[in-house]
Amino acid sequence: LSGLDPAQPYFQGTPIEVRLDKSDAEFVDVIHTDSAPTIPYLGFGMGPAVGHIDFYPNGGKQMPGCGKNPVSQIVDLDGIWEGTRDFVACNHLRSYKYYSDSIIYPDGFLGYSCPSYDVFEAGSCFPCPQEGCPNMGHFADKFKGKFKNDFVKLYLNTGEAKDFALWRYKVTVTLSGKSKVKGYVNVALYGSGGNTRQHQVIKGTLQPDNTYTSFIDAEVNIGTVTKVKFLWNNNLINPTFPKLGAATITIQSGEN
């Protein structure tokens, strides 16, 4: 049984006979997309974990792409009716859109077991454990019976618009050069499964010989890494023409 942002008003905190609960089926997986409090944030979905496994994409409260201005949202690619509905309940309705995308991407939407979204964002729950990570949505039941804990909370990030699936990579860059500069570093990943766009992995002071770690939520499962593109910029015209390079770049896939 899959709960798509089960309702909060009149249901949250009620007895299990009333609301969705893990006792309702052999395996209950839940996607929380609108779990901010109803008052004052108008959250339509409940926050507490109620299934065997509960997914909190983007932290479960505010979904990327739902903060667009009303006009651009109502005049939507999917038509005015879809856009108007999204304007009223965009976070709430993301749950079924993620679910339908999960059917197309059986290897996507990996949920990382973590105490909170902040801890997930800091990278503490990466990579997946030996038994792997569950996939949010249609293929969540591959993990039926694998968790012994009472409630398992899983976190992941999604895209702003269709296609919503993202794949998480840890990127570690050791810089090389003569002197430190201020600026940013972008990295693009190339692999057997496809290539990513440029993702910013460092911003601020770039110190040669220092090692920097960042996480990329890539829009494609790159498969086996074949090459990495490294680009840096200091946004300034510097008469000394500082040079900066990458001594090493390590890519770790969250999946394995």
Protein backbone atom coordinates (compact mmCIF):
# COMPACT_ATOMS: atom_id res chain seq x y z
CA LEU A 1 0.00 0.00 0.00
CA SER A 2 1.53 3.33 -1.08
CA GLY A 3 0.50 6.51 0.74
CA LEU A 4 0.84 9.58 -1.48
CA ASP A 5 1.17 12.46 0.99
CA PRO A 6 -1.54 11.10 3.34
CA ALA A 7 -3.76 13.88 4.68
CA GLN A 8 -2.89 15.96 7.74
CA PRO A 9 -6.04 17.96 8.56
CA TYR A 10 -8.39 15.83 10.77
CA PHE A 11 -6.00 12.83 10.50
CA GLN A 12 -2.62 13.65 12.02
CA GLY A 13 -2.34 12.39 15.59
CA THR A 14 -5.57 10.37 15.43
CA PRO A 15 -5.90 6.65 16.35
CA ILE A 16 -4.65 4.14 13.78
CA GLU A 17 -8.23 3.07 12.94
CA VAL A 18 -8.76 6.52 11.46
CA ARG A 19 -5.56 7.29 9.55
CA LEU A 20 -3.10 5.42 7.36
CA ASP A 21 -0.93 3.03 9.39
CA LYS A 22 1.61 0.28 8.77
CA SER A 23 -0.93 -2.23 10.14
CA ASP A 24 -3.15 -1.56 7.10
CA ALA A 25 -1.16 -3.83 4.76
CA GLU A 26 1.76 -6.26 4.61
CA PHE A 27 3.93 -3.41 3.38
CA VAL A 28 3.11 0.30 3.62
CA ASP A 29 5.40 2.87 1.97
CA VAL A 30 4.68 6.58 2.25
CA ILE A 31 5.79 9.70 0.33
CA HIS A 32 5.56 12.94 2.37
CA THR A 33 5.63 16.09 0.22
CA ASP A 34 3.55 18.68 2.11
CA SER A 35 4.14 18.03 5.80
CA ALA A 36 4.53 21.62 7.06
CA PRO A 37 1.90 22.42 9.75
CA THR A 38 -1.59 23.13 8.35
CA ILE A 39 -1.68 26.38 10.33
CA PRO A 40 -0.10 28.70 9.29
CA TYR A 41 1.55 26.99 6.30
CA LEU A 42 -1.44 25.20 4.78
CA GLY A 43 0.33 21.85 4.76
CA PHE A 44 -2.07 19.21 3.49
CA GLY A 45 0.10 16.18 4.33
CA MET A 46 1.03 14.61 7.66
CA GLY A 47 4.58 14.75 9.06
CA PRO A 48 4.97 11.68 11.32
CA ALA A 49 6.24 8.40 9.87
CA VAL A 50 3.29 5.98 9.65
CA GLY A 51 4.44 3.25 7.24
CA HIS A 52 7.09 0.57 7.18
CA ILE A 53 9.23 3.03 5.24
CA ASP A 54 8.56 6.77 4.91
CA PHE A 55 10.18 8.93 2.24
CA TYR A 56 10.71 12.68 2.77
CA PRO A 57 11.85 14.04 -0.62
CA ASN A 58 13.54 17.47 -0.28
CA GLY A 59 12.81 17.28 3.46
CA GLY A 60 9.09 16.64 2.97
CA LYS A 61 7.78 20.20 3.34
CA GLN A 62 8.64 22.44 0.40
CA MET A 63 9.14 20.89 -3.05
CA PRO A 64 11.47 22.47 -5.66
CA GLY A 65 9.54 24.17 -8.43
CA CYS A 66 6.53 24.89 -6.19
CA GLY A 67 7.76 28.38 -5.31
CA LYS A 68 7.28 29.68 -8.85
CA ASN A 69 5.24 32.85 -9.21
CA PRO A 70 1.49 32.19 -9.62
CA VAL A 71 1.26 33.36 -13.23
CA SER A 72 4.01 31.07 -14.53
CA GLN A 73 2.53 28.20 -12.50
CA ILE A 74 -1.05 28.60 -13.70
CA VAL A 75 -0.05 28.93 -17.35
CA ASP A 76 1.60 25.54 -17.06
CA LEU A 77 3.02 23.28 -19.78
CA ASP A 78 0.34 20.75 -18.84
CA GLY A 79 -2.45 23.29 -19.34
CA ILE A 80 -4.29 25.87 -17.25
CA TRP A 81 -6.35 23.34 -15.24
CA GLU A 82 -3.24 21.43 -14.16
CA GLY A 83 -1.42 24.70 -13.45
CA THR A 84 -4.25 26.13 -11.33
CA ARG A 85 -4.42 22.92 -9.29
CA ASP A 86 -0.65 23.01 -8.81
CA PHE A 87 -0.84 26.62 -7.67
CA VAL A 88 -3.33 25.68 -4.95
CA ALA A 89 -1.74 22.43 -3.79
CA CYS A 90 1.61 22.10 -5.57
CA ASN A 91 3.57 20.40 -2.75
CA HIS A 92 0.71 18.02 -1.99
CA LEU A 93 0.33 16.95 -5.63
CA ARG A 94 4.05 16.37 -6.14
CA SER A 95 3.64 12.97 -4.43
CA TYR A 96 1.75 11.39 -7.33
CA LYS A 97 4.05 13.03 -9.90
CA TYR A 98 7.11 11.51 -8.17
CA TYR A 99 5.29 8.17 -8.05
CA SER A 100 4.48 8.17 -11.76
CA ASP A 101 8.07 9.17 -12.61
CA SER A 102 9.34 6.32 -10.43
CA ILE A 103 7.69 3.81 -12.77
CA ILE A 104 9.80 5.16 -15.65
CA TYR A 105 13.03 5.27 -13.57
CA PRO A 106 13.26 1.97 -11.65
CA ASP A 107 16.82 2.84 -10.54
CA GLY A 108 15.93 6.41 -9.49
CA PHE A 109 14.68 8.10 -6.32
CA LEU A 110 17.03 6.31 -3.91
CA GLY A 111 16.06 7.11 -0.32
CA TYR A 112 18.88 7.40 2.24
CA SER A 113 18.07 6.30 5.79
CA CYS A 114 18.88 9.28 8.02
CA PRO A 115 17.85 10.93 11.31
CA SER A 116 16.84 14.18 9.58
CA TYR A 117 16.99 16.09 6.29
CA ASP A 118 19.71 18.42 7.64
CA VAL A 119 21.91 15.44 8.48
CA PHE A 120 21.24 14.02 5.00
CA GLU A 121 22.19 17.34 3.36
CA ALA A 122 25.42 17.41 5.37
CA GLY A 123 26.33 14.07 3.78
CA SER A 124 26.40 11.91 6.91
CA CYS A 125 24.08 9.20 5.53
CA PHE A 126 25.98 8.61 2.29
CA PRO A 127 26.48 6.18 0.54
CA CYS A 128 23.80 3.47 0.74
CA PRO A 129 24.47 0.66 3.22
CA GLN A 130 25.51 -2.78 1.99
CA GLU A 131 21.91 -3.93 1.50
CA GLY A 132 21.26 -0.88 -0.69
CA CYS A 133 18.71 1.94 -0.50
CA PRO A 134 14.97 1.63 -1.18
CA ASN A 135 13.57 3.37 -4.26
CA MET A 136 10.80 5.85 -3.49
CA GLY A 137 7.58 5.10 -5.33
CA HIS A 138 6.52 2.13 -7.39
CA PHE A 139 9.50 -0.11 -6.61
CA ALA A 140 9.67 0.56 -2.84
CA ASP A 141 8.29 -2.93 -2.15
CA LYS A 142 11.60 -4.48 -3.19
CA PHE A 143 12.56 -3.61 0.40
CA LYS A 144 9.64 -5.40 2.02
CA GLY A 145 10.81 -7.14 5.19
CA LYS A 146 14.35 -5.76 5.03
CA PHE A 147 13.99 -3.23 7.85
CA LYS A 148 13.81 -4.34 11.46
CA ASN A 149 13.24 -0.84 12.90
CA ASP A 150 9.81 0.40 13.82
CA PHE A 151 9.85 3.44 11.54
CA VAL A 152 12.42 4.18 8.84
CA LYS A 153 12.74 7.73 7.54
CA LEU A 154 14.38 8.12 4.14
CA TYR A 155 15.60 11.33 2.51
CA LEU A 156 16.46 12.33 -1.07
CA ASN A 157 16.32 15.29 -3.44
CA THR A 158 14.28 15.64 -6.63
CA GLY A 159 14.28 17.93 -9.64
CA GLU A 160 12.14 21.06 -9.99
CA ALA A 161 10.13 19.71 -12.91
CA LYS A 162 9.57 16.51 -14.82
CA ASP A 163 11.71 14.38 -14.99
CA PHE A 164 12.02 14.47 -11.23
CA ALA A 165 14.52 11.64 -10.64
CA LEU A 166 18.04 12.64 -9.49
CA TRP A 167 21.10 10.52 -8.68
CA ARG A 168 23.39 11.54 -5.80
CA TYR A 169 27.18 11.61 -6.12
CA LYS A 170 29.90 12.64 -3.70
CA VAL A 171 32.60 14.72 -5.40
CA THR A 172 35.97 15.26 -3.70
CA VAL A 173 38.37 17.72 -5.35
CA THR A 174 41.98 18.41 -4.37
CA LEU A 175 43.16 21.66 -5.95
CA SER A 176 46.57 22.38 -7.41
CA GLY A 177 48.14 25.75 -8.13
CA LYS A 178 50.54 28.38 -6.85
CA SER A 179 48.39 30.82 -4.86
CA LYS A 180 44.92 31.00 -3.35
CA VAL A 181 42.16 32.85 -5.16
CA LYS A 182 38.50 33.61 -4.60
CA GLY A 183 35.96 32.13 -7.00
CA TYR A 184 34.06 28.96 -7.73
CA VAL A 185 34.65 25.50 -9.15
CA ASN A 186 32.19 23.66 -11.40
CA VAL A 187 32.35 19.97 -12.24
CA ALA A 188 30.50 18.00 -14.94
CA LEU A 189 30.43 14.19 -14.87
CA TYR A 190 30.61 12.01 -17.96
CA GLY A 191 29.80 8.30 -17.92
CA SER A 192 28.53 5.24 -19.75
CA GLY A 193 24.93 6.19 -18.88
CA GLY A 194 25.10 9.85 -19.90
CA ASN A 195 26.57 13.22 -18.95
CA THR A 196 25.53 15.82 -16.39
CA ARG A 197 25.42 19.58 -16.70
CA GLN A 198 27.98 21.64 -14.75
CA HIS A 199 27.40 21.58 -10.99
CA GLN A 200 29.04 24.06 -8.60
CA VAL A 201 31.04 22.16 -5.99
CA ILE A 202 33.11 24.92 -4.31
CA LYS A 203 32.51 28.64 -3.82
CA GLY A 204 34.68 31.10 -1.89
CA THR A 205 38.39 30.84 -1.18
CA LEU A 206 40.14 28.31 -3.44
CA GLN A 207 43.30 27.16 -1.68
CA PRO A 208 45.75 24.95 -3.64
CA ASP A 209 46.48 21.56 -1.99
CA ASN A 210 43.21 21.77 -0.04
CA THR A 211 40.58 19.07 -0.48
CA TYR A 212 36.92 20.02 -0.86
CA THR A 213 33.90 17.72 -0.69
CA SER A 214 30.47 18.37 -2.15
CA PHE A 215 27.36 16.44 -3.17
CA ILE A 216 25.81 16.57 -6.62
CA ASP A 217 22.23 15.54 -7.29
CA ALA A 218 22.66 14.74 -10.95
CA GLU A 219 19.85 14.63 -13.49
CA VAL A 220 21.17 11.40 -15.02
CA ASN A 221 22.52 8.08 -13.75
CA ILE A 222 25.98 8.37 -15.28
CA GLY A 223 26.87 4.68 -14.76
CA THR A 224 30.63 4.06 -15.03
CA VAL A 225 32.54 7.36 -14.88
CA THR A 226 34.57 7.94 -18.04
CA LYS A 227 35.74 11.53 -17.49
CA VAL A 228 35.23 14.63 -15.38
CA LYS A 229 35.21 18.21 -16.65
CA PHE A 230 36.74 20.75 -14.24
CA LEU A 231 36.11 24.45 -14.62
CA TRP A 232 37.01 27.31 -12.32
CA ASN A 233 36.38 31.05 -12.45
CA ASN A 234 37.37 33.92 -10.19
CA ASN A 235 34.86 36.42 -11.64
CA LEU A 236 37.62 39.05 -11.71
CA ILE A 237 40.14 40.22 -14.24
CA ASN A 238 43.40 39.42 -12.46
CA PRO A 239 46.57 40.81 -14.06
CA THR A 240 48.65 38.00 -12.49
CA PHE A 241 46.62 35.37 -14.42
CA PRO A 242 46.35 32.88 -11.55
CA LYS A 243 46.30 29.23 -12.63
CA LEU A 244 44.32 26.59 -10.80
CA GLY A 245 43.80 22.93 -11.53
CA ALA A 246 42.60 19.70 -9.99
CA ALA A 247 45.28 17.39 -8.61
CA THR A 248 42.64 14.67 -8.05
CA ILE A 249 38.89 14.35 -8.40
CA THR A 250 37.11 11.39 -6.79
CA ILE A 251 33.50 10.51 -7.63
CA GLN A 252 31.49 8.20 -5.37
CA SER A 253 28.07 6.94 -6.40
CA GLY A 254 25.50 6.81 -3.62
CA GLU A 255 24.07 3.55 -4.90
CA ASN A 256 27.21 1.43 -4.58
